[in-house]
Amino acid sequence: MVNNFRDDTILEMLQKPVEIFAGIMPLKRTLFTNRTFLRRCRKIDAVELRLLMIKNRNFLSKWLQPQPEVLRLESVVKLISEDQMLAKKGVRLDLGIFDAITTEMIGKIALHSVDYGIQRSGLVSYWLDEDKVGKGYMTEALATLVSFAFEEACLHRVNVKISAENKTSLSLVKKLGFVQEGLERKSLFINGKWCDALLFGLLDDEYDARADSWMENGWLGC
């Protein structure tokens, strides 16, 4: 029994970095891009996050699961608390996207469904204030989170699943060099209908080959 416990402990250590998200990305840490910064949301951010979600309710309903008809402040506080718990478990990291000049929150980005087993992969999702779309903010945020995933979280692969109708998001991942790897037929129920999803992936060696050009284009670093 003792040997089995010891073997399981060693296997777990080999599968996961010593520091999980709460360690390598604590609440006080900030990731900077040229025009934004990324950090984990705190409960004090709940008011601003709620207002941003309400403002973008109709816009986000085209690509994400619908919000409750009445989005209460306590529900957003609970969401932030759940995000903090998942970060401690090392399975999900949610970050707010903030304008570097005004410091206002303009969106969110997440690395989730993280698997440190034989896949060593994670899935990225994101959304942005409708008024900020098309201005390059999400390019910088996504490049920065992907860099974190490979450089610090030590992942081998980062995946993205996008509605086949979301042309803006498709253009974004292709610009960063994600490779389309498949299609899931009618796998996302969005805006009242089933939609096809396109699957994209980026490997750690592909990131290494692109990181310099990301920096040259101003997408990575500040």
C-alpha atoms as a PDB file:
ATOM      1  CA  MET A   1       0.000   0.000   0.000  1.00  0.00           C
ATOM      2  CA  VAL A   2       2.846   2.401   0.917  1.00  0.00           C
ATOM      3  CA  ASN A   3       4.661   1.696  -2.344  1.00  0.00           C
ATOM      4  CA  ASN A   4       1.493   2.313  -4.389  1.00  0.00           C
ATOM      5  CA  PHE A   5       0.991   5.651  -2.658  1.00  0.00           C
ATOM      6  CA  ARG A   6       4.605   6.612  -3.293  1.00  0.00           C
ATOM      7  CA  ASP A   7       4.370   5.597  -6.957  1.00  0.00           C
ATOM      8  CA  ASP A   8       1.173   7.628  -7.440  1.00  0.00           C
ATOM      9  CA  THR A   9       2.783  10.670  -5.819  1.00  0.00           C
ATOM     10  CA  ILE A  10       5.859  10.463  -8.046  1.00  0.00           C
ATOM     11  CA  LEU A  11       3.680  10.058 -11.147  1.00  0.00           C
ATOM     12  CA  GLU A  12       1.652  13.139 -10.203  1.00  0.00           C
ATOM     13  CA  MET A  13       4.830  15.174  -9.716  1.00  0.00           C
ATOM     14  CA  LEU A  14       6.068  14.144 -13.148  1.00  0.00           C
ATOM     15  CA  GLN A  15       2.775  15.071 -14.799  1.00  0.00           C
ATOM     16  CA  LYS A  16       2.412  18.552 -13.280  1.00  0.00           C
ATOM     17  CA  PRO A  17       4.864  21.391 -12.764  1.00  0.00           C
ATOM     18  CA  VAL A  18       5.718  22.023  -9.129  1.00  0.00           C
ATOM     19  CA  GLU A  19       3.883  25.346  -9.293  1.00  0.00           C
ATOM     20  CA  ILE A  20       0.358  25.370 -10.679  1.00  0.00           C
ATOM     21  CA  PHE A  21      -1.474  28.450 -11.903  1.00  0.00           C
ATOM     22  CA  ALA A  22      -2.042  29.957  -8.468  1.00  0.00           C
ATOM     23  CA  GLY A  23       1.721  29.751  -7.973  1.00  0.00           C
ATOM     24  CA  ILE A  24       3.056  30.963 -11.316  1.00  0.00           C
ATOM     25  CA  MET A  25       0.212  33.456 -11.842  1.00  0.00           C
ATOM     26  CA  PRO A  26      -0.782  34.766  -8.384  1.00  0.00           C
ATOM     27  CA  LEU A  27      -3.490  37.387  -7.954  1.00  0.00           C
ATOM     28  CA  LYS A  28      -0.943  40.197  -7.680  1.00  0.00           C
ATOM     29  CA  ARG A  29       0.913  39.320 -10.901  1.00  0.00           C
ATOM     30  CA  THR A  30       0.300  41.159 -14.183  1.00  0.00           C
ATOM     31  CA  LEU A  31       1.172  40.220 -17.774  1.00  0.00           C
ATOM     32  CA  PHE A  32       1.779  43.245 -19.986  1.00  0.00           C
ATOM     33  CA  THR A  33       1.196  43.734 -23.701  1.00  0.00           C
ATOM     34  CA  ASN A  34       1.847  46.902 -25.692  1.00  0.00           C
ATOM     35  CA  ARG A  35      -1.617  48.356 -25.039  1.00  0.00           C
ATOM     36  CA  THR A  36      -3.201  46.150 -22.403  1.00  0.00           C
ATOM     37  CA  PHE A  37      -2.407  44.151 -19.311  1.00  0.00           C
ATOM     38  CA  LEU A  38      -3.758  40.788 -18.174  1.00  0.00           C
ATOM     39  CA  ARG A  39      -4.371  39.696 -14.604  1.00  0.00           C
ATOM     40  CA  ARG A  40      -6.623  37.414 -12.616  1.00  0.00           C
ATOM     41  CA  CYS A  41      -9.906  39.004 -11.575  1.00  0.00           C
ATOM     42  CA  ARG A  42     -10.503  39.754  -7.914  1.00  0.00           C
ATOM     43  CA  LYS A  43     -13.831  40.090  -6.179  1.00  0.00           C
ATOM     44  CA  ILE A  44     -13.421  43.851  -6.307  1.00  0.00           C
ATOM     45  CA  ASP A  45     -13.609  43.564 -10.129  1.00  0.00           C
ATOM     46  CA  ALA A  46     -17.084  42.009 -10.012  1.00  0.00           C
ATOM     47  CA  VAL A  47     -18.948  45.307 -10.475  1.00  0.00           C
ATOM     48  CA  GLU A  48     -16.965  46.267 -13.572  1.00  0.00           C
ATOM     49  CA  LEU A  49     -17.100  42.751 -15.028  1.00  0.00           C
ATOM     50  CA  ARG A  50     -20.867  42.565 -14.546  1.00  0.00           C
ATOM     51  CA  LEU A  51     -21.411  45.882 -16.322  1.00  0.00           C
ATOM     52  CA  LEU A  52     -19.150  44.801 -19.198  1.00  0.00           C
ATOM     53  CA  MET A  53     -21.033  41.514 -19.596  1.00  0.00           C
ATOM     54  CA  ILE A  54     -24.406  43.281 -19.560  1.00  0.00           C
ATOM     55  CA  LYS A  55     -23.214  45.865 -22.072  1.00  0.00           C
ATOM     56  CA  ASN A  56     -22.083  43.109 -24.449  1.00  0.00           C
ATOM     57  CA  ARG A  57     -24.958  40.702 -23.820  1.00  0.00           C
ATOM     58  CA  ASN A  58     -26.365  40.778 -27.376  1.00  0.00           C
ATOM     59  CA  PHE A  59     -22.940  40.820 -29.019  1.00  0.00           C
ATOM     60  CA  LEU A  60     -21.604  37.882 -27.006  1.00  0.00           C
ATOM     61  CA  SER A  61     -24.759  35.816 -27.504  1.00  0.00           C
ATOM     62  CA  LYS A  62     -23.624  35.300 -31.119  1.00  0.00           C
ATOM     63  CA  TRP A  63     -20.576  33.320 -29.984  1.00  0.00           C
ATOM     64  CA  LEU A  64     -20.996  32.273 -26.338  1.00  0.00           C
ATOM     65  CA  GLN A  65     -23.582  30.562 -24.194  1.00  0.00           C
ATOM     66  CA  PRO A  66     -26.323  33.016 -23.188  1.00  0.00           C
ATOM     67  CA  GLN A  67     -26.161  34.948 -19.942  1.00  0.00           C
ATOM     68  CA  PRO A  68     -28.940  34.691 -17.367  1.00  0.00           C
ATOM     69  CA  GLU A  69     -31.773  37.138 -18.039  1.00  0.00           C
ATOM     70  CA  VAL A  70     -30.871  38.900 -14.812  1.00  0.00           C
ATOM     71  CA  LEU A  71     -27.140  38.914 -14.113  1.00  0.00           C
ATOM     72  CA  ARG A  72     -26.775  39.560 -10.409  1.00  0.00           C
ATOM     73  CA  LEU A  73     -23.648  40.918  -8.772  1.00  0.00           C
ATOM     74  CA  GLU A  74     -23.458  37.959  -6.397  1.00  0.00           C
ATOM     75  CA  SER A  75     -23.404  35.602  -9.399  1.00  0.00           C
ATOM     76  CA  VAL A  76     -20.370  37.381 -10.834  1.00  0.00           C
ATOM     77  CA  VAL A  77     -18.637  37.304  -7.442  1.00  0.00           C
ATOM     78  CA  LYS A  78     -19.299  33.559  -7.301  1.00  0.00           C
ATOM     79  CA  LEU A  79     -17.887  33.169 -10.830  1.00  0.00           C
ATOM     80  CA  ILE A  80     -14.667  34.926  -9.804  1.00  0.00           C
ATOM     81  CA  SER A  81     -14.393  32.724  -6.695  1.00  0.00           C
ATOM     82  CA  GLU A  82     -14.792  29.609  -8.840  1.00  0.00           C
ATOM     83  CA  ASP A  83     -12.093  30.866 -11.206  1.00  0.00           C
ATOM     84  CA  GLN A  84      -9.721  31.296  -8.268  1.00  0.00           C
ATOM     85  CA  MET A  85     -10.416  27.751  -7.061  1.00  0.00           C
ATOM     86  CA  LEU A  86      -9.788  26.267 -10.522  1.00  0.00           C
ATOM     87  CA  ALA A  87      -6.511  28.202 -10.771  1.00  0.00           C
ATOM     88  CA  LYS A  88      -5.383  26.609  -7.507  1.00  0.00           C
ATOM     89  CA  LYS A  89      -6.212  23.196  -8.928  1.00  0.00           C
ATOM     90  CA  GLY A  90      -4.156  23.942 -12.023  1.00  0.00           C
ATOM     91  CA  VAL A  91      -6.937  23.209 -14.515  1.00  0.00           C
ATOM     92  CA  ARG A  92      -8.034  26.699 -15.569  1.00  0.00           C
ATOM     93  CA  LEU A  93      -6.646  30.226 -15.614  1.00  0.00           C
ATOM     94  CA  ASP A  94      -9.025  33.150 -16.257  1.00  0.00           C
ATOM     95  CA  LEU A  95      -7.576  36.594 -16.868  1.00  0.00           C
ATOM     96  CA  GLY A  96      -9.207  39.961 -17.295  1.00  0.00           C
ATOM     97  CA  ILE A  97      -8.007  42.104 -20.202  1.00  0.00           C
ATOM     98  CA  PHE A  98      -7.495  45.739 -19.172  1.00  0.00           C
ATOM     99  CA  ASP A  99      -6.704  48.837 -21.229  1.00  0.00           C
ATOM    100  CA  ALA A 100      -3.198  49.964 -20.233  1.00  0.00           C
ATOM    101  CA  ILE A 101      -4.082  53.684 -20.388  1.00  0.00           C
ATOM    102  CA  THR A 102      -7.553  53.836 -18.853  1.00  0.00           C
ATOM    103  CA  THR A 103      -7.164  50.620 -16.766  1.00  0.00           C
ATOM    104  CA  GLU A 104     -10.765  49.720 -17.681  1.00  0.00           C
ATOM    105  CA  MET A 105     -11.637  46.078 -18.243  1.00  0.00           C
ATOM    106  CA  ILE A 106     -12.254  45.367 -21.941  1.00  0.00           C
ATOM    107  CA  GLY A 107     -12.600  41.583 -22.026  1.00  0.00           C
ATOM    108  CA  LYS A 108     -11.536  38.212 -20.692  1.00  0.00           C
ATOM    109  CA  ILE A 109      -9.293  35.393 -21.840  1.00  0.00           C
ATOM    110  CA  ALA A 110      -8.853  31.910 -20.366  1.00  0.00           C
ATOM    111  CA  LEU A 111      -6.609  28.880 -20.587  1.00  0.00           C
ATOM    112  CA  HIS A 112      -8.796  25.969 -19.563  1.00  0.00           C
ATOM    113  CA  SER A 113      -9.375  22.206 -19.851  1.00  0.00           C
ATOM    114  CA  VAL A 114      -5.688  21.873 -18.997  1.00  0.00           C
ATOM    115  CA  ASP A 115      -4.348  18.302 -19.062  1.00  0.00           C
ATOM    116  CA  TYR A 116      -0.879  17.586 -17.675  1.00  0.00           C
ATOM    117  CA  GLY A 117      -1.128  13.892 -18.530  1.00  0.00           C
ATOM    118  CA  ILE A 118      -0.089  12.409 -21.850  1.00  0.00           C
ATOM    119  CA  GLN A 119      -1.620  15.328 -23.770  1.00  0.00           C
ATOM    120  CA  ARG A 120      -0.026  18.221 -21.857  1.00  0.00           C
ATOM    121  CA  SER A 121      -2.447  20.610 -23.507  1.00  0.00           C
ATOM    122  CA  GLY A 122      -4.926  23.390 -22.845  1.00  0.00           C
ATOM    123  CA  LEU A 123      -7.806  25.101 -24.602  1.00  0.00           C
ATOM    124  CA  VAL A 124      -8.036  28.867 -25.035  1.00  0.00           C
ATOM    125  CA  SER A 125     -11.232  30.935 -25.119  1.00  0.00           C
ATOM    126  CA  TYR A 126     -11.722  34.689 -25.100  1.00  0.00           C
ATOM    127  CA  TRP A 127     -14.106  37.588 -25.606  1.00  0.00           C
ATOM    128  CA  LEU A 128     -13.749  41.329 -26.045  1.00  0.00           C
ATOM    129  CA  ASP A 129     -15.904  44.408 -25.644  1.00  0.00           C
ATOM    130  CA  GLU A 130     -17.651  44.967 -28.987  1.00  0.00           C
ATOM    131  CA  ASP A 131     -16.285  48.532 -29.161  1.00  0.00           C
ATOM    132  CA  LYS A 132     -12.696  47.182 -29.046  1.00  0.00           C
ATOM    133  CA  VAL A 133     -13.046  44.432 -31.668  1.00  0.00           C
ATOM    134  CA  GLY A 134     -10.905  44.766 -34.783  1.00  0.00           C
ATOM    135  CA  LYS A 135      -8.277  47.002 -33.176  1.00  0.00           C
ATOM    136  CA  GLY A 136      -5.664  44.353 -32.391  1.00  0.00           C
ATOM    137  CA  TYR A 137      -6.213  44.138 -28.647  1.00  0.00           C
ATOM    138  CA  MET A 138      -7.097  40.451 -28.716  1.00  0.00           C
ATOM    139  CA  THR A 139      -4.115  39.619 -30.936  1.00  0.00           C
ATOM    140  CA  GLU A 140      -1.832  40.940 -28.189  1.00  0.00           C
ATOM    141  CA  ALA A 141      -3.790  39.241 -25.400  1.00  0.00           C
ATOM    142  CA  LEU A 142      -3.896  35.859 -27.129  1.00  0.00           C
ATOM    143  CA  ALA A 143      -0.218  35.957 -28.087  1.00  0.00           C
ATOM    144  CA  THR A 144       0.677  36.813 -24.483  1.00  0.00           C
ATOM    145  CA  LEU A 145      -1.413  34.017 -22.962  1.00  0.00           C
ATOM    146  CA  VAL A 146      -0.091  31.482 -25.484  1.00  0.00           C
ATOM    147  CA  SER A 147       3.457  32.542 -24.618  1.00  0.00           C
ATOM    148  CA  PHE A 148       2.651  32.026 -20.932  1.00  0.00           C
ATOM    149  CA  ALA A 149       1.185  28.592 -21.683  1.00  0.00           C
ATOM    150  CA  PHE A 150       4.351  27.408 -23.402  1.00  0.00           C
ATOM    151  CA  GLU A 151       7.051  29.322 -21.539  1.00  0.00           C
ATOM    152  CA  GLU A 152       5.765  29.039 -17.978  1.00  0.00           C
ATOM    153  CA  ALA A 153       2.948  26.496 -17.805  1.00  0.00           C
ATOM    154  CA  CYS A 154       5.138  24.116 -19.849  1.00  0.00           C
ATOM    155  CA  LEU A 155       2.379  22.906 -22.161  1.00  0.00           C
ATOM    156  CA  HIS A 156       3.062  21.031 -25.390  1.00  0.00           C
ATOM    157  CA  ARG A 157      -0.075  22.141 -27.228  1.00  0.00           C
ATOM    158  CA  VAL A 158      -2.622  24.963 -27.124  1.00  0.00           C
ATOM    159  CA  ASN A 159      -5.997  24.372 -28.779  1.00  0.00           C
ATOM    160  CA  VAL A 160      -8.805  26.684 -29.862  1.00  0.00           C
ATOM    161  CA  LYS A 161     -12.370  25.726 -30.813  1.00  0.00           C
ATOM    162  CA  ILE A 162     -14.236  28.372 -32.825  1.00  0.00           C
ATOM    163  CA  SER A 163     -17.670  28.603 -34.392  1.00  0.00           C
ATOM    164  CA  ALA A 164     -17.310  28.260 -38.162  1.00  0.00           C
ATOM    165  CA  GLU A 165     -19.353  31.473 -38.466  1.00  0.00           C
ATOM    166  CA  ASN A 166     -17.027  33.577 -36.291  1.00  0.00           C
ATOM    167  CA  LYS A 167     -14.929  35.110 -39.070  1.00  0.00           C
ATOM    168  CA  THR A 168     -13.149  37.598 -36.784  1.00  0.00           C
ATOM    169  CA  SER A 169     -11.886  34.919 -34.411  1.00  0.00           C
ATOM    170  CA  LEU A 170     -10.907  32.623 -37.276  1.00  0.00           C
ATOM    171  CA  SER A 171      -8.844  35.418 -38.801  1.00  0.00           C
ATOM    172  CA  LEU A 172      -7.149  36.021 -35.445  1.00  0.00           C
ATOM    173  CA  VAL A 173      -5.892  32.472 -34.861  1.00  0.00           C
ATOM    174  CA  LYS A 174      -4.767  32.094 -38.465  1.00  0.00           C
ATOM    175  CA  LYS A 175      -2.772  35.342 -38.162  1.00  0.00           C
ATOM    176  CA  LEU A 176      -0.936  33.899 -35.169  1.00  0.00           C
ATOM    177  CA  GLY A 177      -0.169  30.696 -37.040  1.00  0.00           C
ATOM    178  CA  PHE A 178      -2.598  28.239 -35.457  1.00  0.00           C
ATOM    179  CA  VAL A 179      -3.155  25.230 -37.706  1.00  0.00           C
ATOM    180  CA  GLN A 180      -6.670  24.042 -38.535  1.00  0.00           C
ATOM    181  CA  GLU A 181      -6.870  20.400 -37.531  1.00  0.00           C
ATOM    182  CA  GLY A 182     -10.487  19.414 -37.856  1.00  0.00           C
ATOM    183  CA  LEU A 183     -14.185  20.180 -37.785  1.00  0.00           C
ATOM    184  CA  GLU A 184     -16.841  19.133 -35.301  1.00  0.00           C
ATOM    185  CA  ARG A 185     -20.245  19.090 -36.934  1.00  0.00           C
ATOM    186  CA  LYS A 186     -22.977  20.959 -35.060  1.00  0.00           C
ATOM    187  CA  SER A 187     -21.092  20.782 -31.762  1.00  0.00           C
ATOM    188  CA  LEU A 188     -21.858  24.266 -30.386  1.00  0.00           C
ATOM    189  CA  PHE A 189     -25.361  25.423 -29.472  1.00  0.00           C
ATOM    190  CA  ILE A 190     -25.083  29.180 -29.893  1.00  0.00           C
ATOM    191  CA  ASN A 191     -27.655  31.881 -30.509  1.00  0.00           C
ATOM    192  CA  GLY A 192     -30.480  29.346 -30.647  1.00  0.00           C
ATOM    193  CA  LYS A 193     -28.982  26.911 -33.163  1.00  0.00           C
ATOM    194  CA  TRP A 194     -26.369  24.196 -33.560  1.00  0.00           C
ATOM    195  CA  CYS A 195     -23.154  25.394 -35.229  1.00  0.00           C
ATOM    196  CA  ASP A 196     -20.114  23.633 -36.631  1.00  0.00           C
ATOM    197  CA  ALA A 197     -16.857  24.207 -34.763  1.00  0.00           C
ATOM    198  CA  LEU A 198     -13.421  24.431 -36.324  1.00  0.00           C
ATOM    199  CA  LEU A 199     -10.514  23.065 -34.300  1.00  0.00           C
ATOM    200  CA  PHE A 200      -7.110  24.767 -34.323  1.00  0.00           C
ATOM    201  CA  GLY A 201      -3.874  23.883 -32.572  1.00  0.00           C
ATOM    202  CA  LEU A 202      -0.413  25.303 -31.969  1.00  0.00           C
ATOM    203  CA  LEU A 203       2.535  23.193 -30.759  1.00  0.00           C
ATOM    204  CA  ASP A 204       5.394  24.355 -28.581  1.00  0.00           C
ATOM    205  CA  ASP A 205       7.971  24.107 -31.376  1.00  0.00           C
ATOM    206  CA  GLU A 206       5.648  26.042 -33.697  1.00  0.00           C
ATOM    207  CA  TYR A 207       5.396  28.757 -31.058  1.00  0.00           C
ATOM    208  CA  ASP A 208       9.203  28.851 -30.792  1.00  0.00           C
ATOM    209  CA  ALA A 209       9.407  29.412 -34.552  1.00  0.00           C
ATOM    210  CA  ARG A 210       6.882  32.278 -34.433  1.00  0.00           C
ATOM    211  CA  ALA A 211       7.704  34.086 -31.179  1.00  0.00           C
ATOM    212  CA  ASP A 212      10.290  36.424 -32.738  1.00  0.00           C
ATOM    213  CA  SER A 213       7.874  37.530 -35.475  1.00  0.00           C
ATOM    214  CA  TRP A 214       5.150  38.091 -32.868  1.00  0.00           C
ATOM    215  CA  MET A 215       7.521  40.433 -31.042  1.00  0.00           C
ATOM    216  CA  GLU A 216       8.545  42.176 -34.262  1.00  0.00           C
ATOM    217  CA  ASN A 217       4.862  42.778 -35.080  1.00  0.00           C
ATOM    218  CA  GLY A 218       4.219  44.181 -31.601  1.00  0.00           C
ATOM    219  CA  TRP A 219       1.906  41.317 -30.646  1.00  0.00           C
ATOM    220  CA  LEU A 220       4.119  40.030 -27.835  1.00  0.00           C
ATOM    221  CA  GLY A 221       6.055  42.014 -25.258  1.00  0.00           C
ATOM    222  CA  CYS A 222       5.782  45.636 -24.260  1.00  0.00           C
END
